[in-house]
């Protein structure tokens, strides 16, 4: 019996030491955009200045890289909030923290022109800089599915984000999300 236990432990140790460590909770995103689906696939992606950006949290066992919430608890209209995060760390300290957030008041199927009077915003926050939507450039979110029965929110978006503090502009294009909005 002892021999079987030691053989099993030795075999397990051998296998674990020969395998490359992978984060099964938030695997590193591939270098391509996810498909634009409407099934609640919990995907998010966009191009930032032409480069693929997908959420990812290195070692984020207790964190979600994508959070989508369709809050129907407001008096006059609903709120749809989408937040995608990319984090990585080195020696226990986060060296990268980027977030794309989209917040839409009174979301409707189809094109939602995001305007300050509608109470919505889009932002992109890489480390050290905070960006806000450029209201002088086109910025929209096209909600393709807002299913309150199955809790699915899907859509596409694009906008230009500007940072006064970093004197920088980012162009966000081909954005898409498809998520379970009950989380």
N, C-alpha and C. Protein backbone atom coordinates (compact mmCIF):
# COMPACT_ATOMS: atom_id res chain seq x y z
N UNK A 1 0.81 -1.18 0.00
CA UNK A 1 0.00 0.00 0.00
C UNK A 1 0.87 1.26 0.00
N UNK A 2 1.91 1.26 0.90
CA UNK A 2 2.80 2.43 0.96
C UNK A 2 3.51 2.63 -0.38
N UNK A 3 3.91 1.50 -0.99
CA UNK A 3 4.62 1.58 -2.27
C UNK A 3 3.72 2.21 -3.33
N UNK A 4 2.45 1.86 -3.34
CA UNK A 4 1.51 2.41 -4.31
C UNK A 4 1.33 3.92 -4.10
N UNK A 5 1.25 4.33 -2.84
CA UNK A 5 1.09 5.77 -2.54
C UNK A 5 2.33 6.54 -2.98
N UNK A 6 3.54 6.02 -2.64
CA UNK A 6 4.76 6.71 -3.04
C UNK A 6 4.93 6.73 -4.56
N UNK A 7 4.54 5.65 -5.23
CA UNK A 7 4.59 5.61 -6.69
C UNK A 7 3.66 6.67 -7.28
N UNK A 8 2.44 6.76 -6.74
CA UNK A 8 1.47 7.74 -7.22
C UNK A 8 1.97 9.16 -6.99
N UNK A 9 2.49 9.46 -5.79
CA UNK A 9 3.01 10.81 -5.49
C UNK A 9 4.21 11.14 -6.38
N UNK A 10 5.09 10.17 -6.58
CA UNK A 10 6.26 10.40 -7.44
C UNK A 10 5.84 10.68 -8.88
N UNK A 11 4.89 9.90 -9.38
CA UNK A 11 4.39 10.10 -10.74
C UNK A 11 3.72 11.47 -10.88
N UNK A 12 2.94 11.86 -9.88
CA UNK A 12 2.28 13.17 -9.89
C UNK A 12 3.30 14.30 -9.88
N UNK A 13 4.32 14.18 -9.04
CA UNK A 13 5.38 15.19 -8.99
C UNK A 13 6.12 15.28 -10.31
N UNK A 14 6.41 14.16 -10.92
CA UNK A 14 7.09 14.14 -12.21
C UNK A 14 6.25 14.84 -13.28
N UNK A 15 4.96 14.54 -13.32
CA UNK A 15 4.09 15.17 -14.30
C UNK A 15 3.97 16.67 -14.08
N UNK A 16 3.83 17.08 -12.83
CA UNK A 16 3.65 18.51 -12.55
C UNK A 16 4.92 19.30 -12.82
N UNK A 17 6.08 18.70 -12.64
CA UNK A 17 7.32 19.43 -12.88
C UNK A 17 7.65 19.50 -14.37
N UNK A 18 7.13 18.58 -15.17
CA UNK A 18 7.45 18.58 -16.59
C UNK A 18 6.47 19.42 -17.41
N UNK A 19 5.37 19.83 -16.81
CA UNK A 19 4.37 20.61 -17.53
C UNK A 19 4.63 22.10 -17.39
N UNK A 20 4.36 22.82 -18.44
CA UNK A 20 4.46 24.27 -18.39
C UNK A 20 3.30 24.82 -17.58
N UNK A 21 3.57 25.78 -16.71
CA UNK A 21 2.53 26.35 -15.86
C UNK A 21 1.61 27.21 -16.72
N UNK A 22 0.30 26.96 -16.63
CA UNK A 22 -0.68 27.72 -17.39
C UNK A 22 -1.76 28.22 -16.45
N UNK A 23 -2.30 29.37 -16.75
CA UNK A 23 -3.38 29.94 -15.96
C UNK A 23 -4.69 29.45 -16.56
N UNK A 24 -5.33 28.49 -15.92
CA UNK A 24 -6.55 27.93 -16.47
C UNK A 24 -7.76 28.82 -16.24
N UNK A 25 -7.67 29.81 -15.34
CA UNK A 25 -8.80 30.66 -15.03
C UNK A 25 -8.92 31.83 -16.01
N UNK A 26 -7.84 32.42 -16.43
CA UNK A 26 -7.83 33.51 -17.39
C UNK A 26 -6.67 33.29 -18.34
N UNK A 27 -6.81 32.35 -19.28
CA UNK A 27 -5.69 32.05 -20.17
C UNK A 27 -5.31 33.27 -21.00
N UNK A 28 -4.04 33.35 -21.34
CA UNK A 28 -3.56 34.48 -22.13
C UNK A 28 -4.33 34.54 -23.45
N UNK A 29 -4.77 35.73 -23.83
CA UNK A 29 -5.59 35.83 -25.03
C UNK A 29 -4.79 35.58 -26.31
N UNK A 30 -5.43 34.98 -27.30
CA UNK A 30 -4.75 34.80 -28.58
C UNK A 30 -4.60 36.14 -29.29
N UNK A 31 -3.80 36.15 -30.33
CA UNK A 31 -3.54 37.39 -31.05
C UNK A 31 -4.57 37.64 -32.14
N UNK A 32 -5.82 37.29 -31.88
CA UNK A 32 -6.89 37.56 -32.83
C UNK A 32 -8.15 37.90 -32.06
N UNK A 33 -9.04 38.61 -32.70
CA UNK A 33 -10.30 38.97 -32.07
C UNK A 33 -11.21 37.76 -31.95
N UNK A 34 -12.02 37.71 -30.89
CA UNK A 34 -13.00 36.63 -30.81
C UNK A 34 -14.08 36.85 -31.86
N UNK A 35 -14.79 35.81 -32.25
CA UNK A 35 -15.87 36.03 -33.21
C UNK A 35 -16.97 36.89 -32.60
N UNK A 36 -17.68 37.62 -33.43
CA UNK A 36 -18.80 38.46 -32.97
C UNK A 36 -20.03 37.56 -32.87
N UNK A 37 -20.25 37.01 -31.69
CA UNK A 37 -21.34 36.07 -31.47
C UNK A 37 -22.44 36.71 -30.61
N UNK A 38 -23.54 36.01 -30.46
CA UNK A 38 -24.66 36.48 -29.64
C UNK A 38 -25.22 35.32 -28.80
N UNK A 39 -24.32 34.51 -28.24
CA UNK A 39 -24.73 33.30 -27.53
C UNK A 39 -24.43 33.34 -26.03
N UNK A 40 -23.85 34.43 -25.53
CA UNK A 40 -23.44 34.48 -24.14
C UNK A 40 -22.11 33.79 -23.93
N UNK A 41 -21.20 33.88 -24.92
CA UNK A 41 -19.92 33.15 -24.91
C UNK A 41 -18.87 33.75 -23.97
N UNK A 42 -19.18 34.86 -23.30
CA UNK A 42 -18.25 35.55 -22.40
C UNK A 42 -16.94 35.91 -23.10
N UNK A 43 -17.08 36.63 -24.21
CA UNK A 43 -15.93 37.08 -24.98
C UNK A 43 -15.95 38.60 -25.10
N UNK A 44 -14.77 39.16 -25.31
CA UNK A 44 -14.60 40.60 -25.49
C UNK A 44 -13.31 40.80 -26.26
N UNK A 45 -13.31 41.76 -27.15
CA UNK A 45 -12.09 42.09 -27.86
C UNK A 45 -12.28 43.32 -28.71
N UNK A 46 -11.17 43.95 -29.07
CA UNK A 46 -11.20 45.12 -29.95
C UNK A 46 -9.78 45.35 -30.48
N UNK A 47 -9.68 46.28 -31.40
CA UNK A 47 -8.37 46.72 -31.86
C UNK A 47 -8.10 48.07 -31.22
N UNK A 48 -6.93 48.22 -30.63
CA UNK A 48 -6.50 49.50 -30.07
C UNK A 48 -5.36 49.98 -30.95
N UNK A 49 -5.62 51.04 -31.69
CA UNK A 49 -4.66 51.54 -32.68
C UNK A 49 -4.19 50.42 -33.61
N UNK A 50 -5.13 49.53 -33.99
CA UNK A 50 -4.84 48.47 -34.94
C UNK A 50 -4.30 47.18 -34.34
N UNK A 51 -4.02 47.15 -33.01
CA UNK A 51 -3.49 45.95 -32.39
C UNK A 51 -4.58 45.28 -31.55
N UNK A 52 -4.59 43.95 -31.57
CA UNK A 52 -5.60 43.18 -30.85
C UNK A 52 -5.47 43.42 -29.34
N UNK A 53 -6.61 43.68 -28.72
CA UNK A 53 -6.67 43.83 -27.25
C UNK A 53 -7.79 42.93 -26.74
N UNK A 54 -7.41 42.00 -25.87
CA UNK A 54 -8.38 41.12 -25.22
C UNK A 54 -8.09 41.09 -23.73
N UNK A 55 -9.13 40.92 -22.92
CA UNK A 55 -8.92 40.90 -21.47
C UNK A 55 -8.11 39.68 -21.03
N UNK A 56 -7.34 39.89 -19.96
CA UNK A 56 -6.49 38.83 -19.43
C UNK A 56 -6.03 39.25 -18.04
N UNK A 57 -6.11 38.35 -17.08
CA UNK A 57 -5.56 38.62 -15.75
C UNK A 57 -4.61 37.50 -15.41
N UNK A 58 -3.34 37.83 -15.30
CA UNK A 58 -2.33 36.84 -14.96
C UNK A 58 -2.47 36.48 -13.48
N UNK A 59 -2.69 35.21 -13.21
CA UNK A 59 -2.80 34.76 -11.83
C UNK A 59 -4.09 35.21 -11.16
N UNK A 60 -5.08 35.58 -11.93
CA UNK A 60 -6.32 36.13 -11.38
C UNK A 60 -7.33 35.07 -11.02
N UNK A 61 -7.03 34.27 -10.04
CA UNK A 61 -7.94 33.20 -9.66
C UNK A 61 -9.26 33.76 -9.13
N UNK A 62 -9.21 34.85 -8.37
CA UNK A 62 -10.42 35.40 -7.77
C UNK A 62 -10.93 36.63 -8.51
N UNK A 63 -10.39 36.93 -9.67
CA UNK A 63 -10.80 38.08 -10.45
C UNK A 63 -11.32 37.61 -11.80
N UNK A 64 -12.28 38.33 -12.33
CA UNK A 64 -12.77 38.05 -13.68
C UNK A 64 -12.21 39.11 -14.62
N UNK A 65 -11.73 38.68 -15.76
CA UNK A 65 -11.20 39.61 -16.74
C UNK A 65 -12.32 40.33 -17.48
N UNK A 66 -13.53 39.76 -17.46
CA UNK A 66 -14.67 40.36 -18.13
C UNK A 66 -15.86 40.37 -17.18
N UNK A 67 -16.45 41.53 -17.01
CA UNK A 67 -17.65 41.67 -16.19
C UNK A 67 -18.71 42.41 -16.99
N UNK A 68 -19.86 41.81 -17.14
CA UNK A 68 -20.98 42.45 -17.84
C UNK A 68 -22.19 42.35 -16.94
N UNK A 69 -22.83 43.48 -16.72
CA UNK A 69 -23.99 43.52 -15.83
C UNK A 69 -25.10 44.33 -16.48
N UNK A 70 -26.26 43.70 -16.66
CA UNK A 70 -27.45 44.41 -17.13
C UNK A 70 -28.30 44.65 -15.89
N UNK A 71 -28.24 45.86 -15.38
CA UNK A 71 -28.91 46.22 -14.14
C UNK A 71 -30.29 46.76 -14.45
N UNK A 72 -31.30 45.99 -14.12
CA UNK A 72 -32.68 46.40 -14.40
C UNK A 72 -33.34 47.00 -13.16
N UNK A 73 -32.56 47.35 -12.15
CA UNK A 73 -33.11 47.86 -10.90
C UNK A 73 -33.28 49.37 -10.84
N UNK A 74 -33.09 50.06 -11.96
CA UNK A 74 -33.23 51.52 -11.97
C UNK A 74 -34.69 51.90 -12.24
N UNK A 75 -35.12 53.05 -11.77
CA UNK A 75 -36.53 53.45 -11.87
C UNK A 75 -36.94 53.75 -13.30
N UNK A 76 -36.21 54.62 -13.99
CA UNK A 76 -36.63 55.07 -15.31
C UNK A 76 -36.10 54.24 -16.47
N UNK A 77 -34.93 53.64 -16.31
CA UNK A 77 -34.38 52.83 -17.40
C UNK A 77 -33.28 51.92 -16.86
N UNK A 78 -32.91 50.95 -17.67
CA UNK A 78 -31.88 49.99 -17.30
C UNK A 78 -30.49 50.61 -17.45
N UNK A 79 -29.48 49.87 -16.98
CA UNK A 79 -28.10 50.25 -17.18
C UNK A 79 -27.34 49.00 -17.61
N UNK A 80 -26.52 49.12 -18.66
CA UNK A 80 -25.67 48.04 -19.11
C UNK A 80 -24.23 48.47 -18.89
N UNK A 81 -23.51 47.67 -18.11
CA UNK A 81 -22.11 48.00 -17.81
C UNK A 81 -21.22 46.85 -18.25
N UNK A 82 -20.19 47.18 -19.04
CA UNK A 82 -19.23 46.20 -19.54
C UNK A 82 -17.85 46.65 -19.11
N UNK A 83 -17.10 45.78 -18.47
CA UNK A 83 -15.75 46.11 -18.03
C UNK A 83 -14.82 44.96 -18.37
N UNK A 84 -13.76 45.26 -19.12
CA UNK A 84 -12.77 44.27 -19.50
C UNK A 84 -11.41 44.72 -18.97
N UNK A 85 -10.69 43.80 -18.34
CA UNK A 85 -9.45 44.15 -17.66
C UNK A 85 -8.30 43.30 -18.18
N UNK A 86 -7.15 43.93 -18.28
CA UNK A 86 -5.91 43.22 -18.62
C UNK A 86 -4.88 43.58 -17.54
N UNK A 87 -4.42 42.56 -16.82
CA UNK A 87 -3.43 42.76 -15.76
C UNK A 87 -2.34 41.71 -15.86
N UNK A 88 -1.14 42.12 -15.53
CA UNK A 88 -0.05 41.16 -15.37
C UNK A 88 0.84 41.67 -14.25
N UNK A 89 1.59 40.77 -13.62
CA UNK A 89 2.43 41.19 -12.51
C UNK A 89 3.82 40.62 -12.62
N UNK A 90 4.70 41.25 -11.87
CA UNK A 90 6.08 40.82 -11.79
C UNK A 90 6.49 40.92 -10.33
N UNK A 91 6.95 39.85 -9.74
CA UNK A 91 7.33 39.81 -8.33
C UNK A 91 6.20 40.29 -7.42
N UNK A 92 4.96 39.88 -7.73
CA UNK A 92 3.82 40.21 -6.90
C UNK A 92 3.27 41.61 -7.06
N UNK A 93 3.85 42.42 -7.96
CA UNK A 93 3.40 43.79 -8.18
C UNK A 93 2.86 43.89 -9.61
N UNK A 94 1.66 44.46 -9.75
CA UNK A 94 1.09 44.60 -11.08
C UNK A 94 1.88 45.62 -11.89
N UNK A 95 2.39 45.21 -13.03
CA UNK A 95 3.15 46.09 -13.91
C UNK A 95 2.30 46.57 -15.08
N UNK A 96 1.15 45.94 -15.26
CA UNK A 96 0.25 46.35 -16.32
C UNK A 96 -1.17 46.29 -15.78
N UNK A 97 -1.90 47.36 -15.96
CA UNK A 97 -3.31 47.38 -15.58
C UNK A 97 -4.03 48.24 -16.61
N UNK A 98 -4.76 47.59 -17.47
CA UNK A 98 -5.53 48.27 -18.49
C UNK A 98 -6.99 47.89 -18.33
N UNK A 99 -7.86 48.83 -18.60
CA UNK A 99 -9.29 48.55 -18.49
C UNK A 99 -10.05 49.31 -19.56
N UNK A 100 -10.98 48.62 -20.17
CA UNK A 100 -11.91 49.25 -21.09
C UNK A 100 -13.28 49.13 -20.46
N UNK A 101 -13.93 50.25 -20.25
CA UNK A 101 -15.25 50.24 -19.63
C UNK A 101 -16.27 50.92 -20.52
N UNK A 102 -17.43 50.33 -20.61
CA UNK A 102 -18.54 50.88 -21.39
C UNK A 102 -19.76 50.86 -20.49
N UNK A 103 -20.41 52.00 -20.37
CA UNK A 103 -21.57 52.11 -19.51
C UNK A 103 -22.68 52.79 -20.30
N UNK A 104 -23.81 52.11 -20.45
CA UNK A 104 -24.91 52.64 -21.26
C UNK A 104 -26.18 52.70 -20.41
N UNK A 105 -26.74 53.89 -20.32
CA UNK A 105 -28.03 54.06 -19.66
C UNK A 105 -29.12 53.87 -20.70
N UNK A 106 -30.19 53.23 -20.34
CA UNK A 106 -31.34 52.99 -21.22
C UNK A 106 -30.91 52.27 -22.50
N UNK A 107 -30.19 51.13 -22.39
CA UNK A 107 -29.73 50.44 -23.59
C UNK A 107 -30.90 49.92 -24.42
N UNK A 108 -30.71 49.99 -25.73
CA UNK A 108 -31.72 49.51 -26.67
C UNK A 108 -31.03 48.67 -27.74
N UNK A 109 -31.77 47.77 -28.36
CA UNK A 109 -31.23 47.03 -29.49
C UNK A 109 -30.90 48.02 -30.60
N UNK A 110 -29.81 47.76 -31.29
CA UNK A 110 -29.39 48.64 -32.38
C UNK A 110 -28.37 49.65 -31.91
N UNK A 111 -28.20 50.69 -32.71
CA UNK A 111 -27.19 51.71 -32.43
C UNK A 111 -27.61 52.56 -31.25
N UNK A 112 -26.72 52.69 -30.29
CA UNK A 112 -26.90 53.56 -29.14
C UNK A 112 -25.83 54.64 -29.25
N UNK A 113 -26.23 55.82 -29.62
CA UNK A 113 -25.27 56.92 -29.67
C UNK A 113 -24.97 57.34 -28.24
N UNK A 114 -23.74 57.21 -27.86
CA UNK A 114 -23.33 57.51 -26.50
C UNK A 114 -23.14 59.02 -26.38
N UNK A 115 -23.96 59.64 -25.60
CA UNK A 115 -23.85 61.09 -25.40
C UNK A 115 -23.85 61.38 -23.91
N UNK A 116 -23.20 62.47 -23.50
CA UNK A 116 -23.21 62.81 -22.07
C UNK A 116 -24.62 62.99 -21.52
N UNK A 117 -25.55 63.48 -22.33
CA UNK A 117 -26.91 63.68 -21.85
C UNK A 117 -27.63 62.36 -21.60
N UNK A 118 -27.16 61.28 -22.24
CA UNK A 118 -27.75 59.96 -22.01
C UNK A 118 -27.11 59.29 -20.80
N UNK A 119 -26.07 59.91 -20.24
CA UNK A 119 -25.43 59.39 -19.04
C UNK A 119 -24.52 58.22 -19.27
N UNK A 120 -23.93 58.09 -20.44
CA UNK A 120 -23.06 56.95 -20.73
C UNK A 120 -21.65 57.43 -21.01
N UNK A 121 -20.70 56.53 -20.87
CA UNK A 121 -19.32 56.88 -21.16
C UNK A 121 -18.56 55.66 -21.65
N UNK A 122 -17.46 55.90 -22.32
CA UNK A 122 -16.52 54.86 -22.72
C UNK A 122 -15.15 55.34 -22.27
N UNK A 123 -14.32 54.45 -21.77
CA UNK A 123 -12.99 54.88 -21.34
C UNK A 123 -11.98 53.77 -21.52
N UNK A 124 -10.73 54.15 -21.63
CA UNK A 124 -9.63 53.21 -21.74
C UNK A 124 -8.55 53.68 -20.79
N UNK A 125 -8.13 52.83 -19.85
CA UNK A 125 -7.16 53.24 -18.83
C UNK A 125 -5.93 52.34 -18.84
N UNK A 126 -4.91 52.64 -19.63
CA UNK A 126 -3.68 51.88 -19.45
C UNK A 126 -2.90 52.47 -18.27
N UNK A 127 -1.87 51.77 -17.85
CA UNK A 127 -1.08 52.21 -16.70
C UNK A 127 -0.57 53.63 -16.90
N UNK A 128 -0.80 54.46 -15.90
CA UNK A 128 -0.27 55.82 -15.91
C UNK A 128 -1.11 56.83 -16.65
N UNK A 129 -2.03 56.43 -17.48
CA UNK A 129 -2.84 57.37 -18.24
C UNK A 129 -4.32 57.02 -18.09
N UNK A 130 -5.13 58.03 -18.08
CA UNK A 130 -6.57 57.83 -18.06
C UNK A 130 -7.13 58.46 -19.33
N UNK A 131 -7.96 57.72 -20.04
CA UNK A 131 -8.52 58.18 -21.31
C UNK A 131 -10.03 58.28 -21.19
N UNK A 132 -10.59 59.25 -21.87
CA UNK A 132 -12.03 59.40 -21.95
C UNK A 132 -12.43 59.45 -23.42
N UNK A 133 -13.70 59.20 -23.67
CA UNK A 133 -14.19 59.20 -25.03
C UNK A 133 -14.03 60.61 -25.63
N UNK A 134 -13.58 60.67 -26.88
CA UNK A 134 -13.46 61.93 -27.61
C UNK A 134 -14.83 62.24 -28.20
N UNK A 135 -15.51 63.23 -27.63
CA UNK A 135 -16.87 63.55 -28.07
C UNK A 135 -16.90 64.24 -29.43
N UNK A 136 -15.74 64.60 -29.97
CA UNK A 136 -15.70 65.22 -31.30
C UNK A 136 -15.54 64.18 -32.41
N UNK A 137 -15.34 62.93 -32.04
CA UNK A 137 -15.21 61.84 -32.99
C UNK A 137 -16.40 60.90 -32.84
N UNK A 138 -16.71 60.09 -33.88
CA UNK A 138 -17.83 59.15 -33.77
C UNK A 138 -17.59 58.14 -32.64
N UNK A 139 -18.63 57.88 -31.90
CA UNK A 139 -18.55 56.86 -30.86
C UNK A 139 -19.93 56.27 -30.65
N UNK A 140 -20.02 54.97 -30.88
CA UNK A 140 -21.31 54.28 -30.78
C UNK A 140 -21.13 52.90 -30.20
N UNK A 141 -22.22 52.36 -29.75
CA UNK A 141 -22.29 50.97 -29.35
C UNK A 141 -23.53 50.39 -30.02
N UNK A 142 -23.35 49.30 -30.73
CA UNK A 142 -24.46 48.64 -31.41
C UNK A 142 -24.81 47.39 -30.60
N UNK A 143 -25.93 47.43 -29.89
CA UNK A 143 -26.35 46.29 -29.09
C UNK A 143 -27.12 45.34 -30.01
N UNK A 144 -26.55 44.15 -30.20
CA UNK A 144 -27.14 43.17 -31.12
C UNK A 144 -28.05 42.18 -30.40
N UNK A 145 -27.85 42.02 -29.09
CA UNK A 145 -28.74 41.17 -28.30
C UNK A 145 -28.76 41.67 -26.86
N UNK A 146 -29.94 41.85 -26.33
CA UNK A 146 -30.13 42.24 -24.94
C UNK A 146 -31.28 41.39 -24.41
N UNK A 147 -30.95 40.19 -24.03
CA UNK A 147 -31.91 39.15 -23.69
C UNK A 147 -32.06 39.08 -22.17
N UNK A 148 -33.19 39.59 -21.65
CA UNK A 148 -33.41 39.61 -20.21
C UNK A 148 -33.86 38.25 -19.67
N UNK A 149 -34.32 37.36 -20.52
CA UNK A 149 -34.73 36.02 -20.08
C UNK A 149 -33.50 35.14 -19.89
N UNK A 150 -32.61 35.11 -20.89
CA UNK A 150 -31.41 34.28 -20.84
C UNK A 150 -30.18 35.03 -20.33
N UNK A 151 -30.34 36.31 -19.98
CA UNK A 151 -29.25 37.14 -19.44
C UNK A 151 -28.04 37.20 -20.37
N UNK A 152 -28.29 37.54 -21.62
CA UNK A 152 -27.20 37.67 -22.60
C UNK A 152 -27.19 39.10 -23.14
N UNK A 153 -26.00 39.69 -23.12
CA UNK A 153 -25.80 41.02 -23.70
C UNK A 153 -24.67 40.90 -24.72
N UNK A 154 -24.95 41.32 -25.97
CA UNK A 154 -23.96 41.24 -27.04
C UNK A 154 -23.98 42.52 -27.84
N UNK A 155 -22.86 42.83 -28.47
CA UNK A 155 -22.83 44.01 -29.31
C UNK A 155 -21.45 44.32 -29.85
N UNK A 156 -21.38 45.42 -30.57
CA UNK A 156 -20.14 45.91 -31.14
C UNK A 156 -19.98 47.38 -30.74
N UNK A 157 -18.75 47.87 -30.80
CA UNK A 157 -18.51 49.27 -30.42
C UNK A 157 -17.26 49.80 -31.11
N UNK A 158 -17.19 51.12 -31.17
CA UNK A 158 -15.97 51.79 -31.61
C UNK A 158 -16.00 53.22 -31.11
N UNK A 159 -14.81 53.73 -30.83
CA UNK A 159 -14.69 55.10 -30.34
C UNK A 159 -13.23 55.53 -30.38
N UNK A 160 -13.03 56.81 -30.20
CA UNK A 160 -11.69 57.37 -30.05
C UNK A 160 -11.58 57.85 -28.62
N UNK A 161 -10.47 57.52 -27.96
CA UNK A 161 -10.25 57.92 -26.58
C UNK A 161 -9.07 58.87 -26.53
N UNK A 162 -9.19 59.91 -25.72
CA UNK A 162 -8.12 60.89 -25.59
C UNK A 162 -7.69 61.03 -24.13
N UNK A 163 -6.41 61.36 -23.96
CA UNK A 163 -5.88 61.60 -22.63
C UNK A 163 -5.22 62.96 -22.61
N UNK A 164 -5.76 63.85 -21.80
CA UNK A 164 -5.15 65.18 -21.66
C UNK A 164 -3.82 65.09 -20.92
N UNK A 165 -3.77 64.24 -19.87
CA UNK A 165 -2.55 64.15 -19.07
C UNK A 165 -1.38 63.54 -19.85
N UNK A 166 -1.67 62.60 -20.74
CA UNK A 166 -0.60 61.95 -21.52
C UNK A 166 -0.52 62.50 -22.94
N UNK A 167 -1.41 63.42 -23.27
CA UNK A 167 -1.46 64.02 -24.62
C UNK A 167 -1.39 62.92 -25.68
N UNK A 168 -2.36 62.01 -25.60
CA UNK A 168 -2.36 60.84 -26.46
C UNK A 168 -3.78 60.57 -26.93
N UNK A 169 -3.89 59.90 -28.07
CA UNK A 169 -5.19 59.49 -28.61
C UNK A 169 -5.12 58.02 -28.98
N UNK A 170 -6.17 57.28 -28.64
CA UNK A 170 -6.27 55.87 -28.99
C UNK A 170 -7.52 55.66 -29.82
N UNK A 171 -7.41 54.91 -30.88
CA UNK A 171 -8.56 54.59 -31.72
C UNK A 171 -8.98 53.15 -31.43
N UNK A 172 -10.19 52.97 -30.91
CA UNK A 172 -10.72 51.67 -30.57
C UNK A 172 -11.69 51.28 -31.69
N UNK A 173 -11.38 50.19 -32.41
CA UNK A 173 -12.21 49.76 -33.54
C UNK A 173 -12.51 48.26 -33.43
N UNK A 174 -13.48 47.82 -34.23
CA UNK A 174 -13.88 46.42 -34.32
C UNK A 174 -14.16 45.79 -32.95
N UNK A 175 -14.62 46.59 -32.01
CA UNK A 175 -14.92 46.08 -30.67
C UNK A 175 -16.14 45.19 -30.68
N UNK A 176 -16.09 44.14 -29.85
CA UNK A 176 -17.23 43.24 -29.74
C UNK A 176 -17.25 42.62 -28.35
N UNK A 177 -18.46 42.33 -27.88
CA UNK A 177 -18.63 41.65 -26.61
C UNK A 177 -19.84 40.72 -26.72
N UNK A 178 -19.81 39.66 -25.95
CA UNK A 178 -20.90 38.69 -25.90
C UNK A 178 -20.79 37.99 -24.55
N UNK A 179 -21.71 38.28 -23.64
CA UNK A 179 -21.53 37.78 -22.29
C UNK A 179 -22.84 37.48 -21.59
N UNK A 180 -22.71 36.64 -20.58
CA UNK A 180 -23.80 36.37 -19.65
C UNK A 180 -23.89 37.59 -18.74
N UNK A 181 -24.97 38.32 -18.82
CA UNK A 181 -25.10 39.59 -18.09
C UNK A 181 -25.68 39.43 -16.70
N UNK A 182 -25.79 38.21 -16.21
CA UNK A 182 -26.33 38.01 -14.87
C UNK A 182 -25.22 37.91 -13.82
N UNK A 183 -23.96 37.88 -14.26
CA UNK A 183 -22.85 37.71 -13.33
C UNK A 183 -22.64 38.94 -12.48
